[in-house]
Every structure is written in structure tokens, then in C-alpha cells.
C-alpha atoms as a PDB file:
ATOM      1  CA  MET A   1     -55.316  32.779  -5.324  1.00  0.00           C
ATOM      2  CA  ASN A   2     -57.010  30.717  -3.878  1.00  0.00           C
ATOM      3  CA  LEU A   3     -55.603  29.459  -0.600  1.00  0.00           C
ATOM      4  CA  GLN A   4     -57.435  26.121   1.565  1.00  0.00           C
ATOM      5  CA  ILE A   5     -56.225  25.562   4.858  1.00  0.00           C
ATOM      6  CA  SER A   6     -56.831  22.901   6.646  1.00  0.00           C
ATOM      7  CA  GLY A   7     -55.886  20.557   9.835  1.00  0.00           C
ATOM      8  CA  HIS A   8     -55.173  16.409  10.341  1.00  0.00           C
ATOM      9  CA  HIS A   9     -55.762  16.048  14.313  1.00  0.00           C
ATOM     10  CA  LEU A  10     -55.663  19.648  14.448  1.00  0.00           C
ATOM     11  CA  GLU A  11     -58.002  22.665  15.257  1.00  0.00           C
ATOM     12  CA  ILE A  12     -57.110  25.563  12.348  1.00  0.00           C
ATOM     13  CA  THR A  13     -57.176  28.452  15.030  1.00  0.00           C
ATOM     14  CA  PRO A  14     -57.613  32.418  13.757  1.00  0.00           C
ATOM     15  CA  ALA A  15     -54.326  32.842  14.737  1.00  0.00           C
ATOM     16  CA  LEU A  16     -52.513  29.884  12.553  1.00  0.00           C
ATOM     17  CA  HIS A  17     -54.305  30.959   9.596  1.00  0.00           C
ATOM     18  CA  GLU A  18     -53.286  34.346   9.511  1.00  0.00           C
ATOM     19  CA  TYR A  19     -49.531  33.025  10.479  1.00  0.00           C
ATOM     20  CA  VAL A  20     -49.861  30.849   6.909  1.00  0.00           C
ATOM     21  CA  THR A  21     -51.753  32.841   4.911  1.00  0.00           C
ATOM     22  CA  GLY A  22     -49.116  35.894   6.117  1.00  0.00           C
ATOM     23  CA  LYS A  23     -45.975  33.252   4.868  1.00  0.00           C
ATOM     24  CA  LEU A  24     -47.487  32.124   2.028  1.00  0.00           C
ATOM     25  CA  GLU A  25     -48.192  35.475   0.619  1.00  0.00           C
ATOM     26  CA  ARG A  26     -44.802  35.690  -0.083  1.00  0.00           C
ATOM     27  CA  VAL A  27     -44.853  33.188  -2.746  1.00  0.00           C
ATOM     28  CA  THR A  28     -47.482  35.738  -4.901  1.00  0.00           C
ATOM     29  CA  ARG A  29     -44.983  38.082  -4.247  1.00  0.00           C
ATOM     30  CA  HIS A  30     -42.381  36.678  -6.538  1.00  0.00           C
ATOM     31  CA  PHE A  31     -44.229  34.659  -8.834  1.00  0.00           C
ATOM     32  CA  ASP A  32     -48.051  36.187  -9.732  1.00  0.00           C
ATOM     33  CA  HIS A  33     -49.090  33.115 -11.859  1.00  0.00           C
ATOM     34  CA  VAL A  34     -50.351  31.004  -8.490  1.00  0.00           C
ATOM     35  CA  ILE A  35     -53.715  29.161  -9.143  1.00  0.00           C
ATOM     36  CA  ASP A  36     -54.547  27.906  -6.229  1.00  0.00           C
ATOM     37  CA  VAL A  37     -52.727  26.602  -2.427  1.00  0.00           C
ATOM     38  CA  SER A  38     -54.022  24.281  -0.553  1.00  0.00           C
ATOM     39  CA  ALA A  39     -51.889  23.478   2.543  1.00  0.00           C
ATOM     40  CA  ILE A  40     -52.483  20.779   5.395  1.00  0.00           C
ATOM     41  CA  LEU A  41     -51.079  20.916   8.995  1.00  0.00           C
ATOM     42  CA  SER A  42     -51.156  18.004  10.939  1.00  0.00           C
ATOM     43  CA  VAL A  43     -50.067  16.591  14.711  1.00  0.00           C
ATOM     44  CA  GLU A  44     -48.491  13.858  15.211  1.00  0.00           C
ATOM     45  CA  LYS A  45     -47.174  12.538  18.942  1.00  0.00           C
ATOM     46  CA  LEU A  46     -43.983  15.061  19.055  1.00  0.00           C
ATOM     47  CA  LYS A  47     -43.755  15.661  15.306  1.00  0.00           C
ATOM     48  CA  GLN A  48     -45.389  19.026  14.058  1.00  0.00           C
ATOM     49  CA  LYS A  49     -45.762  18.648  10.131  1.00  0.00           C
ATOM     50  CA  ALA A  50     -46.879  21.134   7.321  1.00  0.00           C
ATOM     51  CA  GLU A  51     -47.679  20.326   3.773  1.00  0.00           C
ATOM     52  CA  VAL A  52     -48.218  22.275   0.810  1.00  0.00           C
ATOM     53  CA  THR A  53     -49.121  22.324  -2.448  1.00  0.00           C
ATOM     54  CA  VAL A  54     -48.914  25.433  -4.929  1.00  0.00           C
ATOM     55  CA  HIS A  55     -50.621  24.709  -8.081  1.00  0.00           C
ATOM     56  CA  LEU A  56     -48.855  26.944 -10.792  1.00  0.00           C
ATOM     57  CA  SER A  57     -49.365  27.220 -14.429  1.00  0.00           C
ATOM     58  CA  GLY A  58     -47.832  24.022 -15.940  1.00  0.00           C
ATOM     59  CA  LYS A  59     -46.940  22.858 -12.659  1.00  0.00           C
ATOM     60  CA  ASP A  60     -47.698  21.614  -9.110  1.00  0.00           C
ATOM     61  CA  ILE A  61     -45.345  21.787  -6.120  1.00  0.00           C
ATOM     62  CA  TYR A  62     -45.380  19.962  -3.193  1.00  0.00           C
ATOM     63  CA  VAL A  63     -43.412  20.893   0.344  1.00  0.00           C
ATOM     64  CA  GLU A  64     -43.179  19.457   3.290  1.00  0.00           C
ATOM     65  CA  SER A  65     -41.109  19.712   6.904  1.00  0.00           C
ATOM     66  CA  VAL A  66     -41.320  18.551  10.032  1.00  0.00           C
ATOM     67  CA  ASP A  67     -40.104  19.984  13.412  1.00  0.00           C
ATOM     68  CA  GLU A  68     -41.236  20.103  17.131  1.00  0.00           C
ATOM     69  CA  ASP A  69     -42.869  23.000  16.636  1.00  0.00           C
ATOM     70  CA  LEU A  70     -45.580  23.857  14.224  1.00  0.00           C
ATOM     71  CA  TYR A  71     -44.558  27.366  13.765  1.00  0.00           C
ATOM     72  CA  ALA A  72     -41.159  26.763  13.171  1.00  0.00           C
ATOM     73  CA  ALA A  73     -42.353  23.768  10.418  1.00  0.00           C
ATOM     74  CA  ILE A  74     -44.382  26.323   8.831  1.00  0.00           C
ATOM     75  CA  ASP A  75     -41.467  28.839   8.231  1.00  0.00           C
ATOM     76  CA  ILE A  76     -39.219  26.093   7.181  1.00  0.00           C
ATOM     77  CA  LEU A  77     -41.707  25.160   4.401  1.00  0.00           C
ATOM     78  CA  ALA A  78     -41.835  28.628   3.402  1.00  0.00           C
ATOM     79  CA  ASP A  79     -38.464  29.311   2.534  1.00  0.00           C
ATOM     80  CA  LYS A  80     -38.309  26.116   0.915  1.00  0.00           C
ATOM     81  CA  LEU A  81     -41.616  26.631  -1.009  1.00  0.00           C
ATOM     82  CA  ASP A  82     -40.108  30.480  -1.781  1.00  0.00           C
ATOM     83  CA  ARG A  83     -37.010  28.539  -2.994  1.00  0.00           C
ATOM     84  CA  GLN A  84     -38.844  25.869  -5.031  1.00  0.00           C
ATOM     85  CA  VAL A  85     -40.981  28.620  -7.186  1.00  0.00           C
ATOM     86  CA  GLN A  86     -38.589  31.074  -7.802  1.00  0.00           C
ATOM     87  CA  LYS A  87     -36.210  27.857  -9.398  1.00  0.00           C
ATOM     88  CA  TYR A  88     -39.105  27.329 -11.473  1.00  0.00           C
ATOM     89  CA  LYS A  89     -39.731  30.887 -12.575  1.00  0.00           C
ATOM     90  CA  GLN A  90     -36.060  31.326 -13.331  1.00  0.00           C
ATOM     91  CA  LYS A  91     -36.265  28.046 -15.616  1.00  0.00           C
ATOM     92  CA  VAL A  92     -39.554  29.275 -17.038  1.00  0.00           C
ATOM     93  CA  GLN A  93     -38.036  32.739 -18.217  1.00  0.00           C
ATOM     94  CA  ASN A  94     -34.739  31.092 -19.073  1.00  0.00           C
ATOM     95  CA  HIS A  95     -36.245  28.352 -21.272  1.00  0.00           C
ATOM     96  CA  HIS A  96     -34.662  28.994 -24.751  1.00  0.00           C
ATOM     97  CA  ARG A  97     -31.868  32.020 -23.843  1.00  0.00           C
ATOM     98  CA  GLY A  98     -29.147  29.253 -24.210  1.00  0.00           C
ATOM     99  CA  GLN A  99     -29.397  27.933 -27.923  1.00  0.00           C
ATOM    100  CA  LYS A 100     -27.396  29.181 -30.744  1.00  0.00           C
ATOM    101  CA  PRO A 101     -28.548  31.237 -33.488  1.00  0.00           C
ATOM    102  CA  VAL A 102     -29.603  29.249 -36.484  1.00  0.00           C
ATOM    103  CA  HIS A 103     -28.255  30.994 -39.727  1.00  0.00           C
ATOM    104  CA  GLU A 104     -30.148  30.666 -42.664  1.00  0.00           C
ATOM    105  CA  ALA A 105     -28.764  28.726 -46.178  1.00  0.00           C
ATOM    106  CA  GLY A 106     -26.690  31.652 -47.699  1.00  0.00           C
ATOM    107  CA  GLU A 107     -25.188  33.348 -45.060  1.00  0.00           C
ATOM    108  CA  ILE A 108     -21.785  32.135 -43.999  1.00  0.00           C
ATOM    109  CA  GLY A 109     -20.000  29.000 -44.988  1.00  0.00           C
ATOM    110  CA  GLU A 110     -22.017  27.978 -48.425  1.00  0.00           C
ATOM    111  CA  ALA A 111     -20.188  25.553 -50.743  1.00  0.00           C
ATOM    112  CA  GLY A 112     -18.797  26.960 -53.871  1.00  0.00           C
ATOM    113  CA  GLU A 113     -17.471  30.706 -52.275  1.00  0.00           C
END
């Protein structure tokens, strides 16, 4: 998994980098087909914003959260992202399970019996 963390009007400190990395590793525990993760942390007056784009095989997932505290925004973002990835994982696993089995000609209900 490639992880890229960048800041907009914000310097990414080593502590902040470790915190984001730790929160995003939870996603790879649930779904191991993560190709690339791009995180952008930004500051605007009283709003702290965290955005993440996760590139999976077959889909890109984008999540953002805004809070007064950047660490709280990252926590909210990690929870949202975790739910989205689990939802996608279930969708991929259960793709063809709800269909009725197809009966071949001659098995059941053939005309002329």
C-alpha cells in the first residue's frame, strides 16, 4: 500500500504522520486489495479538514471530515472510511449469491410429460 500524506496550509509533523498512518492501517486489515491511499490535511480559519482517497481494485473511495480539532477530524474520517471499505468488501463478496439457479432443459416442468 502506497500512502501519501500532504498538508494544505499545514506542515505535516512526524507525530501527525504517525497518527494518520496508524488510523489508515485499520483499513488494510479489513481489505487487503488497497492499491494507493492519498490523504490531504488542511486548515481554514476555525475548521480542520481531513480528506482521503483510497484506490481499490475496481473502485476509488473518497471520504472527508471537518472538525474543530484535526485529530478528531482524522478519527471521524477513519470511521467513515472503515464503514465504506467494509461495505465495498461485502458487495464484492456477495456479488452473485442472490440469483436463482438456472434449470437446464429436461429437468423440471418440460412440456409433454
